Amino acid sequence: MKRNTYPQMNKLIRLLTLNGIPFEVLAFPAFSAPREEDVDFGLQIFSPSLEKPMIDAVCHWGTYGYEKGLIEIQSALIQNPDEWEDGVRGWLTAEEALEYFKEVPKAQVAKYLV
């Protein structure tokens, strides 16, 4: 099996850095694969932090878009959760995911204005 090199996740890391959006990355083995030969490592990006995420992006076996190296996100900032499949949005490119991550700094500022 060819291993996923996570091109979109790596691109998202670069885009978040360039846009000054705080984040942390977790690399982990994805043990939920149905066959041992399908076990691969995954990447997950949390923003603003692993302890208090407002949004996260993930790519590992079983996520929406993994087969094509695309990104799945879940966010506490979504406006219409019923429009998201299983509470997540998948099959995203790094640029598409970045648009959701851009909401994090706005939400952080908004909580201090209330």
PDB file of N, CA and C in Angstrom:
ATOM      1  N   MET A   1       0.839  -1.187   0.000  1.00  0.00           N
ATOM      2  CA  MET A   1       0.000   0.000   0.000  1.00  0.00           C
ATOM      3  C   MET A   1       0.879   1.244   0.000  1.00  0.00           C
ATOM      4  N   LYS A   2       0.558   2.166  -0.862  1.00  0.00           N
ATOM      5  CA  LYS A   2       1.282   3.428  -0.909  1.00  0.00           C
ATOM      6  C   LYS A   2       0.842   4.304   0.266  1.00  0.00           C
ATOM      7  N   ARG A   3       1.798   4.807   1.011  1.00  0.00           N
ATOM      8  CA  ARG A   3       1.491   5.647   2.161  1.00  0.00           C
ATOM      9  C   ARG A   3       1.077   7.044   1.721  1.00  0.00           C
ATOM     10  N   ASN A   4       0.144   7.634   2.467  1.00  0.00           N
ATOM     11  CA  ASN A   4      -0.314   8.995   2.214  1.00  0.00           C
ATOM     12  C   ASN A   4       0.753   9.959   2.729  1.00  0.00           C
ATOM     13  N   THR A   5       1.183  10.891   1.915  1.00  0.00           N
ATOM     14  CA  THR A   5       2.187  11.871   2.338  1.00  0.00           C
ATOM     15  C   THR A   5       1.548  13.185   2.765  1.00  0.00           C
ATOM     16  N   TYR A   6       0.227  13.243   2.757  1.00  0.00           N
ATOM     17  CA  TYR A   6      -0.532  14.387   3.266  1.00  0.00           C
ATOM     18  C   TYR A   6      -0.158  15.722   2.627  1.00  0.00           C
ATOM     19  N   PRO A   7      -0.181  15.798   1.298  1.00  0.00           N
ATOM     20  CA  PRO A   7       0.205  17.060   0.658  1.00  0.00           C
ATOM     21  C   PRO A   7      -0.713  18.224   1.033  1.00  0.00           C
ATOM     22  N   GLN A   8      -2.006  17.977   1.149  1.00  0.00           N
ATOM     23  CA  GLN A   8      -2.918  19.072   1.488  1.00  0.00           C
ATOM     24  C   GLN A   8      -2.766  19.496   2.946  1.00  0.00           C
ATOM     25  N   MET A   9      -2.523  18.543   3.834  1.00  0.00           N
ATOM     26  CA  MET A   9      -2.313  18.906   5.244  1.00  0.00           C
ATOM     27  C   MET A   9      -1.025  19.710   5.402  1.00  0.00           C
ATOM     28  N   ASN A  10       0.027  19.302   4.697  1.00  0.00           N
ATOM     29  CA  ASN A  10       1.285  20.043   4.757  1.00  0.00           C
ATOM     30  C   ASN A  10       1.120  21.445   4.179  1.00  0.00           C
ATOM     31  N   LYS A  11       0.336  21.541   3.121  1.00  0.00           N
ATOM     32  CA  LYS A  11       0.058  22.857   2.532  1.00  0.00           C
ATOM     33  C   LYS A  11      -0.746  23.711   3.505  1.00  0.00           C
ATOM     34  N   LEU A  12      -1.716  23.109   4.195  1.00  0.00           N
ATOM     35  CA  LEU A  12      -2.511  23.849   5.175  1.00  0.00           C
ATOM     36  C   LEU A  12      -1.615  24.381   6.297  1.00  0.00           C
ATOM     37  N   ILE A  13      -0.659  23.600   6.742  1.00  0.00           N
ATOM     38  CA  ILE A  13       0.277  24.057   7.777  1.00  0.00           C
ATOM     39  C   ILE A  13       1.019  25.303   7.289  1.00  0.00           C
ATOM     40  N   ARG A  14       1.476  25.280   6.042  1.00  0.00           N
ATOM     41  CA  ARG A  14       2.168  26.462   5.488  1.00  0.00           C
ATOM     42  C   ARG A  14       1.231  27.665   5.413  1.00  0.00           C
ATOM     43  N   LEU A  15      -0.010  27.445   4.967  1.00  0.00           N
ATOM     44  CA  LEU A  15      -0.969  28.545   4.834  1.00  0.00           C
ATOM     45  C   LEU A  15      -1.345  29.139   6.194  1.00  0.00           C
ATOM     46  N   LEU A  16      -1.527  28.286   7.195  1.00  0.00           N
ATOM     47  CA  LEU A  16      -1.841  28.783   8.534  1.00  0.00           C
ATOM     48  C   LEU A  16      -0.690  29.635   9.067  1.00  0.00           C
ATOM     49  N   THR A  17       0.528  29.174   8.849  1.00  0.00           N
ATOM     50  CA  THR A  17       1.708  29.916   9.290  1.00  0.00           C
ATOM     51  C   THR A  17       1.770  31.279   8.595  1.00  0.00           C
ATOM     52  N   LEU A  18       1.591  31.282   7.279  1.00  0.00           N
ATOM     53  CA  LEU A  18       1.636  32.535   6.517  1.00  0.00           C
ATOM     54  C   LEU A  18       0.543  33.519   6.933  1.00  0.00           C
ATOM     55  N   ASN A  19      -0.604  32.989   7.367  1.00  0.00           N
ATOM     56  CA  ASN A  19      -1.730  33.839   7.766  1.00  0.00           C
ATOM     57  C   ASN A  19      -1.726  34.175   9.258  1.00  0.00           C
ATOM     58  N   GLY A  20      -0.723  33.709   9.984  1.00  0.00           N
ATOM     59  CA  GLY A  20      -0.608  34.028  11.407  1.00  0.00           C
ATOM     60  C   GLY A  20      -1.705  33.421  12.261  1.00  0.00           C
ATOM     61  N   ILE A  21      -2.238  32.292  11.844  1.00  0.00           N
ATOM     62  CA  ILE A  21      -3.308  31.617  12.586  1.00  0.00           C
ATOM     63  C   ILE A  21      -2.662  30.601  13.524  1.00  0.00           C
ATOM     64  N   PRO A  22      -2.953  30.678  14.831  1.00  0.00           N
ATOM     65  CA  PRO A  22      -2.335  29.752  15.784  1.00  0.00           C
ATOM     66  C   PRO A  22      -2.841  28.321  15.586  1.00  0.00           C
ATOM     67  N   PHE A  23      -1.920  27.351  15.730  1.00  0.00           N
ATOM     68  CA  PHE A  23      -2.307  25.947  15.563  1.00  0.00           C
ATOM     69  C   PHE A  23      -1.263  25.041  16.189  1.00  0.00           C
ATOM     70  N   GLU A  24      -1.662  23.794  16.413  1.00  0.00           N
ATOM     71  CA  GLU A  24      -0.763  22.729  16.857  1.00  0.00           C
ATOM     72  C   GLU A  24      -1.047  21.506  16.005  1.00  0.00           C
ATOM     73  N   VAL A  25      -0.021  20.697  15.755  1.00  0.00           N
ATOM     74  CA  VAL A  25      -0.146  19.509  14.907  1.00  0.00           C
ATOM     75  C   VAL A  25       0.095  18.256  15.741  1.00  0.00           C
ATOM     76  N   LEU A  26      -0.715  17.251  15.500  1.00  0.00           N
ATOM     77  CA  LEU A  26      -0.563  15.955  16.140  1.00  0.00           C
ATOM     78  C   LEU A  26      -0.423  14.905  15.041  1.00  0.00           C
ATOM     79  N   ALA A  27       0.625  14.113  15.106  1.00  0.00           N
ATOM     80  CA  ALA A  27       0.788  12.977  14.192  1.00  0.00           C
ATOM     81  C   ALA A  27       0.524  11.717  15.000  1.00  0.00           C
ATOM     82  N   PHE A  28      -0.215  10.792  14.432  1.00  0.00           N
ATOM     83  CA  PHE A  28      -0.608   9.608  15.195  1.00  0.00           C
ATOM     84  C   PHE A  28      -0.850   8.431  14.265  1.00  0.00           C
ATOM     85  N   PRO A  29      -0.754   7.214  14.788  1.00  0.00           N
ATOM     86  CA  PRO A  29      -1.114   6.053  13.969  1.00  0.00           C
ATOM     87  C   PRO A  29      -2.639   5.925  13.917  1.00  0.00           C
ATOM     88  N   ALA A  30      -3.145   5.620  12.752  1.00  0.00           N
ATOM     89  CA  ALA A  30      -4.588   5.421  12.579  1.00  0.00           C
ATOM     90  C   ALA A  30      -4.863   3.927  12.650  1.00  0.00           C
ATOM     91  N   PHE A  31      -5.237   3.437  13.804  1.00  0.00           N
ATOM     92  CA  PHE A  31      -5.399   2.002  14.033  1.00  0.00           C
ATOM     93  C   PHE A  31      -6.772   1.459  13.645  1.00  0.00           C
ATOM     94  N   SER A  32      -7.656   2.310  13.161  1.00  0.00           N
ATOM     95  CA  SER A  32      -9.013   1.852  12.879  1.00  0.00           C
ATOM     96  C   SER A  32      -9.163   1.213  11.499  1.00  0.00           C
ATOM     97  N   ALA A  33      -8.070   1.044  10.782  1.00  0.00           N
ATOM     98  CA  ALA A  33      -8.143   0.444   9.452  1.00  0.00           C
ATOM     99  C   ALA A  33      -8.617  -1.006   9.559  1.00  0.00           C
ATOM    100  N   PRO A  34      -9.417  -1.469   8.590  1.00  0.00           N
ATOM    101  CA  PRO A  34      -9.959  -2.834   8.657  1.00  0.00           C
ATOM    102  C   PRO A  34      -8.912  -3.927   8.434  1.00  0.00           C
ATOM    103  N   ARG A  35      -7.834  -3.599   7.742  1.00  0.00           N
ATOM    104  CA  ARG A  35      -6.791  -4.588   7.479  1.00  0.00           C
ATOM    105  C   ARG A  35      -5.460  -4.020   7.953  1.00  0.00           C
ATOM    106  N   GLU A  36      -4.606  -4.879   8.465  1.00  0.00           N
ATOM    107  CA  GLU A  36      -3.317  -4.429   8.989  1.00  0.00           C
ATOM    108  C   GLU A  36      -2.501  -3.672   7.941  1.00  0.00           C
ATOM    109  N   GLU A  37      -2.568  -4.125   6.685  1.00  0.00           N
ATOM    110  CA  GLU A  37      -1.777  -3.454   5.653  1.00  0.00           C
ATOM    111  C   GLU A  37      -2.301  -2.051   5.322  1.00  0.00           C
ATOM    112  N   ASP A  38      -3.521  -1.732   5.781  1.00  0.00           N
ATOM    113  CA  ASP A  38      -4.083  -0.403   5.546  1.00  0.00           C
ATOM    114  C   ASP A  38      -3.729   0.592   6.650  1.00  0.00           C
ATOM    115  N   VAL A  39      -3.127   0.107   7.733  1.00  0.00           N
ATOM    116  CA  VAL A  39      -2.798   1.002   8.833  1.00  0.00           C
ATOM    117  C   VAL A  39      -1.790   2.035   8.351  1.00  0.00           C
ATOM    118  N   ASP A  40      -2.077   3.271   8.598  1.00  0.00           N
ATOM    119  CA  ASP A  40      -1.236   4.379   8.165  1.00  0.00           C
ATOM    120  C   ASP A  40      -1.210   5.406   9.284  1.00  0.00           C
ATOM    121  N   PHE A  41      -0.313   6.333   9.193  1.00  0.00           N
ATOM    122  CA  PHE A  41      -0.295   7.410  10.168  1.00  0.00           C
ATOM    123  C   PHE A  41      -1.202   8.522   9.696  1.00  0.00           C
ATOM    124  N   GLY A  42      -1.648   9.336  10.631  1.00  0.00           N
ATOM    125  CA  GLY A  42      -2.517  10.440  10.302  1.00  0.00           C
ATOM    126  C   GLY A  42      -1.961  11.733  10.854  1.00  0.00           C
ATOM    127  N   LEU A  43      -2.489  12.821  10.341  1.00  0.00           N
ATOM    128  CA  LEU A  43      -2.151  14.150  10.837  1.00  0.00           C
ATOM    129  C   LEU A  43      -3.429  14.849  11.253  1.00  0.00           C
ATOM    130  N   GLN A  44      -3.348  15.600  12.350  1.00  0.00           N
ATOM    131  CA  GLN A  44      -4.476  16.394  12.805  1.00  0.00           C
ATOM    132  C   GLN A  44      -3.951  17.754  13.234  1.00  0.00           C
ATOM    133  N   ILE A  45      -4.634  18.807  12.804  1.00  0.00           N
ATOM    134  CA  ILE A  45      -4.259  20.181  13.112  1.00  0.00           C
ATOM    135  C   ILE A  45      -5.362  20.780  13.968  1.00  0.00           C
ATOM    136  N   PHE A  46      -4.978  21.329  15.109  1.00  0.00           N
ATOM    137  CA  PHE A  46      -5.926  21.964  16.035  1.00  0.00           C
ATOM    138  C   PHE A  46      -5.662  23.461  16.072  1.00  0.00           C
ATOM    139  N   SER A  47      -6.722  24.253  16.115  1.00  0.00           N
ATOM    140  CA  SER A  47      -6.552  25.694  16.236  1.00  0.00           C
ATOM    141  C   SER A  47      -7.594  26.237  17.196  1.00  0.00           C
ATOM    142  N   PRO A  48      -7.221  27.082  18.135  1.00  0.00           N
ATOM    143  CA  PRO A  48      -5.890  27.636  18.300  1.00  0.00           C
ATOM    144  C   PRO A  48      -4.904  26.697  18.989  1.00  0.00           C
ATOM    145  N   SER A  49      -5.408  25.663  19.718  1.00  0.00           N
ATOM    146  CA  SER A  49      -4.480  24.764  20.412  1.00  0.00           C
ATOM    147  C   SER A  49      -5.113  23.385  20.573  1.00  0.00           C
ATOM    148  N   LEU A  50      -4.277  22.414  20.908  1.00  0.00           N
ATOM    149  CA  LEU A  50      -4.737  21.051  21.151  1.00  0.00           C
ATOM    150  C   LEU A  50      -5.656  21.005  22.372  1.00  0.00           C
ATOM    151  N   GLU A  51      -5.351  21.804  23.398  1.00  0.00           N
ATOM    152  CA  GLU A  51      -6.151  21.813  24.625  1.00  0.00           C
ATOM    153  C   GLU A  51      -7.522  22.454  24.439  1.00  0.00           C
ATOM    154  N   LYS A  52      -7.588  23.513  23.635  1.00  0.00           N
ATOM    155  CA  LYS A  52      -8.849  24.244  23.452  1.00  0.00           C
ATOM    156  C   LYS A  52      -9.114  24.509  21.973  1.00  0.00           C
ATOM    157  N   PRO A  53      -9.384  23.447  21.222  1.00  0.00           N
ATOM    158  CA  PRO A  53      -9.596  23.652  19.785  1.00  0.00           C
ATOM    159  C   PRO A  53     -10.950  24.281  19.474  1.00  0.00           C
ATOM    160  N   MET A  54     -10.954  25.191  18.523  1.00  0.00           N
ATOM    161  CA  MET A  54     -12.196  25.732  17.973  1.00  0.00           C
ATOM    162  C   MET A  54     -12.501  25.069  16.639  1.00  0.00           C
ATOM    163  N   ILE A  55     -11.427  24.553  16.034  1.00  0.00           N
ATOM    164  CA  ILE A  55     -11.549  23.858  14.751  1.00  0.00           C
ATOM    165  C   ILE A  55     -10.388  22.877  14.644  1.00  0.00           C
ATOM    166  N   ASP A  56     -10.632  21.783  13.944  1.00  0.00           N
ATOM    167  CA  ASP A  56      -9.518  20.881  13.663  1.00  0.00           C
ATOM    168  C   ASP A  56      -9.663  20.318  12.265  1.00  0.00           C
ATOM    169  N   ALA A  57      -8.520  19.995  11.683  1.00  0.00           N
ATOM    170  CA  ALA A  57      -8.455  19.363  10.367  1.00  0.00           C
ATOM    171  C   ALA A  57      -7.736  18.040  10.545  1.00  0.00           C
ATOM    172  N   VAL A  58      -8.191  17.043   9.800  1.00  0.00           N
ATOM    173  CA  VAL A  58      -7.602  15.718   9.965  1.00  0.00           C
ATOM    174  C   VAL A  58      -7.544  15.009   8.619  1.00  0.00           C
ATOM    175  N   CYS A  59      -6.546  14.146   8.483  1.00  0.00           N
ATOM    176  CA  CYS A  59      -6.446  13.262   7.322  1.00  0.00           C
ATOM    177  C   CYS A  59      -5.810  11.966   7.799  1.00  0.00           C
ATOM    178  N   HIS A  60      -6.587  10.905   7.806  1.00  0.00           N
ATOM    179  CA  HIS A  60      -6.099   9.564   8.125  1.00  0.00           C
ATOM    180  C   HIS A  60      -7.107   8.565   7.580  1.00  0.00           C
ATOM    181  N   TRP A  61      -6.761   7.291   7.616  1.00  0.00           N
ATOM    182  CA  TRP A  61      -7.657   6.281   7.085  1.00  0.00           C
ATOM    183  C   TRP A  61      -9.039   6.458   7.694  1.00  0.00           C
ATOM    184  N   GLY A  62     -10.036   6.558   6.855  1.00  0.00           N
ATOM    185  CA  GLY A  62     -11.411   6.662   7.324  1.00  0.00           C
ATOM    186  C   GLY A  62     -11.990   8.062   7.286  1.00  0.00           C
ATOM    187  N   THR A  63     -11.179   9.083   7.060  1.00  0.00           N
ATOM    188  CA  THR A  63     -11.726  10.439   6.986  1.00  0.00           C
ATOM    189  C   THR A  63     -12.222  10.710   5.570  1.00  0.00           C
ATOM    190  N   TYR A  64     -13.168  11.631   5.470  1.00  0.00           N
ATOM    191  CA  TYR A  64     -13.717  12.002   4.168  1.00  0.00           C
ATOM    192  C   TYR A  64     -12.641  12.701   3.350  1.00  0.00           C
ATOM    193  N   GLY A  65     -12.166  12.048   2.305  1.00  0.00           N
ATOM    194  CA  GLY A  65     -11.170  12.612   1.422  1.00  0.00           C
ATOM    195  C   GLY A  65      -9.800  11.980   1.530  1.00  0.00           C
ATOM    196  N   TYR A  66      -9.603  11.086   2.499  1.00  0.00           N
ATOM    197  CA  TYR A  66      -8.291  10.473   2.721  1.00  0.00           C
ATOM    198  C   TYR A  66      -7.725   9.844   1.452  1.00  0.00           C
ATOM    199  N   GLU A  67      -8.570   9.142   0.709  1.00  0.00           N
ATOM    200  CA  GLU A  67      -8.096   8.417  -0.472  1.00  0.00           C
ATOM    201  C   GLU A  67      -7.408   9.327  -1.471  1.00  0.00           C
ATOM    202  N   LYS A  68      -7.795  10.594  -1.474  1.00  0.00           N
ATOM    203  CA  LYS A  68      -7.211  11.557  -2.407  1.00  0.00           C
ATOM    204  C   LYS A  68      -6.294  12.555  -1.692  1.00  0.00           C
ATOM    205  N   GLY A  69      -5.995  12.288  -0.416  1.00  0.00           N
ATOM    206  CA  GLY A  69      -5.115  13.178   0.339  1.00  0.00           C
ATOM    207  C   GLY A  69      -5.780  14.476   0.747  1.00  0.00           C
ATOM    208  N   LEU A  70      -7.114  14.503   0.723  1.00  0.00           N
ATOM    209  CA  LEU A  70      -7.851  15.720   1.063  1.00  0.00           C
ATOM    210  C   LEU A  70      -8.167  15.783   2.555  1.00  0.00           C
ATOM    211  N   ILE A  71      -8.712  16.889   2.985  1.00  0.00           N
ATOM    212  CA  ILE A  71      -8.860  17.230   4.399  1.00  0.00           C
ATOM    213  C   ILE A  71     -10.312  17.140   4.849  1.00  0.00           C
ATOM    214  N   GLU A  72     -10.492  16.696   6.088  1.00  0.00           N
ATOM    215  CA  GLU A  72     -11.793  16.716   6.759  1.00  0.00           C
ATOM    216  C   GLU A  72     -11.665  17.676   7.942  1.00  0.00           C
ATOM    217  N   ILE A  73     -12.669  18.528   8.157  1.00  0.00           N
ATOM    218  CA  ILE A  73     -12.633  19.443   9.296  1.00  0.00           C
ATOM    219  C   ILE A  73     -13.882  19.296  10.152  1.00  0.00           C
ATOM    220  N   GLN A  74     -13.717  19.688  11.404  1.00  0.00           N
ATOM    221  CA  GLN A  74     -14.820  19.778  12.358  1.00  0.00           C
ATOM    222  C   GLN A  74     -14.598  21.081  13.110  1.00  0.00           C
ATOM    223  N   SER A  75     -15.687  21.807  13.377  1.00  0.00           N
ATOM    224  CA  SER A  75     -15.513  23.119  13.980  1.00  0.00           C
ATOM    225  C   SER A  75     -16.633  23.455  14.954  1.00  0.00           C
ATOM    226  N   ALA A  76     -16.252  24.093  16.065  1.00  0.00           N
ATOM    227  CA  ALA A  76     -17.230  24.621  17.012  1.00  0.00           C
ATOM    228  C   ALA A  76     -17.815  25.924  16.501  1.00  0.00           C
ATOM    229  N   LEU A  77     -17.280  26.441  15.403  1.00  0.00           N
ATOM    230  CA  LEU A  77     -17.690  27.738  14.875  1.00  0.00           C
ATOM    231  C   LEU A  77     -18.721  27.640  13.756  1.00  0.00           C
ATOM    232  N   ILE A  78     -19.160  26.426  13.405  1.00  0.00           N
ATOM    233  CA  ILE A  78     -20.078  26.292  12.274  1.00  0.00           C
ATOM    234  C   ILE A  78     -21.427  26.921  12.601  1.00  0.00           C
ATOM    235  N   GLN A  79     -22.006  27.550  11.595  1.00  0.00           N
ATOM    236  CA  GLN A  79     -23.278  28.239  11.753  1.00  0.00           C
ATOM    237  C   GLN A  79     -24.477  27.300  11.583  1.00  0.00           C
ATOM    238  N   ASN A  80     -24.405  26.398  10.624  1.00  0.00           N
ATOM    239  CA  ASN A  80     -25.510  25.491  10.317  1.00  0.00           C
ATOM    240  C   ASN A  80     -25.029  24.046  10.364  1.00  0.00           C
ATOM    241  N   PRO A  81     -24.941  23.462  11.576  1.00  0.00           N
ATOM    242  CA  PRO A  81     -24.380  22.102  11.686  1.00  0.00           C
ATOM    243  C   PRO A  81     -25.165  21.051  10.912  1.00  0.00           C
ATOM    244  N   ASP A  82     -26.452  21.278  10.653  1.00  0.00           N
ATOM    245  CA  ASP A  82     -27.249  20.299   9.920  1.00  0.00           C
ATOM    246  C   ASP A  82     -26.799  20.177   8.465  1.00  0.00           C
ATOM    247  N   GLU A  83     -26.084  21.176   7.951  1.00  0.00           N
ATOM    248  CA  GLU A  83     -25.616  21.148   6.572  1.00  0.00           C
ATOM    249  C   GLU A  83     -24.313  20.354   6.436  1.00  0.00           C
ATOM    250  N   TRP A  84     -23.741  19.923   7.557  1.00  0.00           N
ATOM    251  CA  TRP A  84     -22.470  19.192   7.546  1.00  0.00           C
ATOM    252  C   TRP A  84     -22.759  17.710   7.705  1.00  0.00           C
ATOM    253  N   GLU A  85     -22.094  16.877   6.929  1.00  0.00           N
ATOM    254  CA  GLU A  85     -22.275  15.433   7.008  1.00  0.00           C
ATOM    255  C   GLU A  85     -21.597  14.881   8.257  1.00  0.00           C
ATOM    256  N   ASP A  86     -22.366  14.239   9.128  1.00  0.00           N
ATOM    257  CA  ASP A  86     -21.842  13.669  10.378  1.00  0.00           C
ATOM    258  C   ASP A  86     -21.139  14.701  11.251  1.00  0.00           C
ATOM    259  N   GLY A  87     -21.507  15.972  11.130  1.00  0.00           N
ATOM    260  CA  GLY A  87     -20.881  17.021  11.935  1.00  0.00           C
ATOM    261  C   GLY A  87     -19.510  17.437  11.436  1.00  0.00           C
ATOM    262  N   VAL A  88     -19.127  16.963  10.265  1.00  0.00           N
ATOM    263  CA  VAL A  88     -17.832  17.323   9.689  1.00  0.00           C
ATOM    264  C   VAL A  88     -18.026  17.736   8.233  1.00  0.00           C
ATOM    265  N   ARG A  89     -17.015  18.349   7.681  1.00  0.00           N
ATOM    266  CA  ARG A  89     -17.004  18.660   6.253  1.00  0.00           C
ATOM    267  C   ARG A  89     -15.722  18.078   5.684  1.00  0.00           C
ATOM    268  N   GLY A  90     -15.860  17.266   4.658  1.00  0.00           N
ATOM    269  CA  GLY A  90     -14.705  16.583   4.090  1.00  0.00           C
ATOM    270  C   GLY A  90     -14.440  16.945   2.649  1.00  0.00           C
ATOM    271  N   TRP A  91     -13.434  16.256   2.098  1.00  0.00           N
ATOM    272  CA  TRP A  91     -13.029  16.415   0.707  1.00  0.00           C
ATOM    273  C   TRP A  91     -12.573  17.845   0.406  1.00  0.00           C
ATOM    274  N   LEU A  92     -11.884  18.476   1.359  1.00  0.00           N
ATOM    275  CA  LEU A  92     -11.451  19.863   1.201  1.00  0.00           C
ATOM    276  C   LEU A  92      -9.980  19.954   0.807  1.00  0.00           C
ATOM    277  N   THR A  93      -9.666  20.945  -0.010  1.00  0.00           N
ATOM    278  CA  THR A  93      -8.274  21.273  -0.290  1.00  0.00           C
ATOM    279  C   THR A  93      -7.763  22.143   0.861  1.00  0.00           C
ATOM    280  N   ALA A  94      -6.477  22.387   0.894  1.00  0.00           N
ATOM    281  CA  ALA A  94      -5.896  23.244   1.930  1.00  0.00           C
ATOM    282  C   ALA A  94      -6.485  24.648   1.866  1.00  0.00           C
ATOM    283  N   GLU A  95      -6.676  25.156   0.669  1.00  0.00           N
ATOM    284  CA  GLU A  95      -7.230  26.507   0.517  1.00  0.00           C
ATOM    285  C   GLU A  95      -8.665  26.580   1.038  1.00  0.00           C
ATOM    286  N   GLU A  96      -9.448  25.543   0.773  1.00  0.00           N
ATOM    287  CA  GLU A  96     -10.835  25.520   1.261  1.00  0.00           C
ATOM    288  C   GLU A  96     -10.868  25.417   2.781  1.00  0.00           C
ATOM    289  N   ALA A  97     -10.025  24.567   3.355  1.00  0.00           N
ATOM    290  CA  ALA A  97      -9.966  24.424   4.813  1.00  0.00           C
ATOM    291  C   ALA A  97      -9.514  25.726   5.468  1.00  0.00           C
ATOM    292  N   LEU A  98      -8.569  26.418   4.840  1.00  0.00           N
ATOM    293  CA  LEU A  98      -8.056  27.680   5.392  1.00  0.00           C
ATOM    294  C   LEU A  98      -9.174  28.684   5.625  1.00  0.00           C
ATOM    295  N   GLU A  99     -10.140  28.727   4.742  1.00  0.00           N
ATOM    296  CA  GLU A  99     -11.246  29.681   4.899  1.00  0.00           C
ATOM    297  C   GLU A  99     -11.989  29.459   6.217  1.00  0.00           C
ATOM    298  N   TYR A 100     -12.129  28.225   6.651  1.00  0.00           N
ATOM    299  CA  TYR A 100     -12.763  27.932   7.946  1.00  0.00           C
ATOM    300  C   TYR A 100     -11.836  28.301   9.096  1.00  0.00           C
ATOM    301  N   PHE A 101     -10.543  28.031   8.937  1.00  0.00           N
ATOM    302  CA  PHE A 101      -9.577  28.361   9.990  1.00  0.00           C
ATOM    303  C   PHE A 101      -9.462  29.873  10.201  1.00  0.00           C
ATOM    304  N   LYS A 102      -9.725  30.651   9.183  1.00  0.00           N
ATOM    305  CA  LYS A 102      -9.650  32.118   9.307  1.00  0.00           C
ATOM    306  C   LYS A 102     -10.675  32.653  10.294  1.00  0.00           C
ATOM    307  N   GLU A 103     -11.699  31.876  10.593  1.00  0.00           N
ATOM    308  CA  GLU A 103     -12.721  32.297  11.563  1.00  0.00           C
ATOM    309  C   GLU A 103     -12.207  32.240  13.001  1.00  0.00           C
ATOM    310  N   VAL A 104     -11.166  31.483  13.275  1.00  0.00           N
ATOM    311  CA  VAL A 104     -10.656  31.319  14.642  1.00  0.00           C
ATOM    312  C   VAL A 104     -10.190  32.644  15.243  1.00  0.00           C
ATOM    313  N   PRO A 105      -9.318  33.422  14.582  1.00  0.00           N
ATOM    314  CA  PRO A 105      -8.911  34.694  15.180  1.00  0.00           C
ATOM    315  C   PRO A 105     -10.097  35.638  15.421  1.00  0.00           C
ATOM    316  N   LYS A 106     -11.066  35.644  14.512  1.00  0.00           N
ATOM    317  CA  LYS A 106     -12.257  36.485  14.680  1.00  0.00           C
ATOM    318  C   LYS A 106     -13.034  36.058  15.919  1.00  0.00           C
ATOM    319  N   ALA A 107     -13.175  34.753  16.126  1.00  0.00           N
ATOM    320  CA  ALA A 107     -13.915  34.239  17.282  1.00  0.00           C
ATOM    321  C   ALA A 107     -13.174  34.543  18.574  1.00  0.00           C
ATOM    322  N   GLN A 108     -11.850  34.478  18.548  1.00  0.00           N
ATOM    323  CA  GLN A 108     -11.062  34.784  19.754  1.00  0.00           C
ATOM    324  C   GLN A 108     -11.230  36.244  20.139  1.00  0.00           C
ATOM    325  N   VAL A 109     -11.220  37.142  19.159  1.00  0.00           N
ATOM    326  CA  VAL A 109     -11.404  38.564  19.424  1.00  0.00           C
ATOM    327  C   VAL A 109     -12.823  38.807  19.930  1.00  0.00           C
ATOM    328  N   ALA A 110     -13.802  38.172  19.296  1.00  0.00           N
ATOM    329  CA  ALA A 110     -15.204  38.383  19.664  1.00  0.00           C
ATOM    330  C   ALA A 110     -15.477  37.999  21.104  1.00  0.00           C
ATOM    331  N   LYS A 111     -14.848  36.946  21.626  1.00  0.00           N
ATOM    332  CA  LYS A 111     -15.135  36.518  23.009  1.00  0.00           C
ATOM    333  C   LYS A 111     -14.645  37.556  24.014  1.00  0.00           C
ATOM    334  N   TYR A 112     -13.628  38.351  23.636  1.00  0.00           N
ATOM    335  CA  TYR A 112     -13.127  39.377  24.541  1.00  0.00           C
ATOM    336  C   TYR A 112     -13.936  40.671  24.449  1.00  0.00           C
ATOM    337  N   LEU A 113     -14.731  40.824  23.390  1.00  0.00           N
ATOM    338  CA  LEU A 113     -15.550  42.031  23.217  1.00  0.00           C
ATOM    339  C   LEU A 113     -16.909  41.898  23.894  1.00  0.00           C
ATOM    340  N   VAL A 114     -17.277  40.701  24.272  1.00  0.00           N
ATOM    341  CA  VAL A 114     -18.603  40.452  24.877  1.00  0.00           C
ATOM    342  C   VAL A 114     -18.597  40.846  26.334  1.00  0.00           C
TER     343      VAL A 114
END
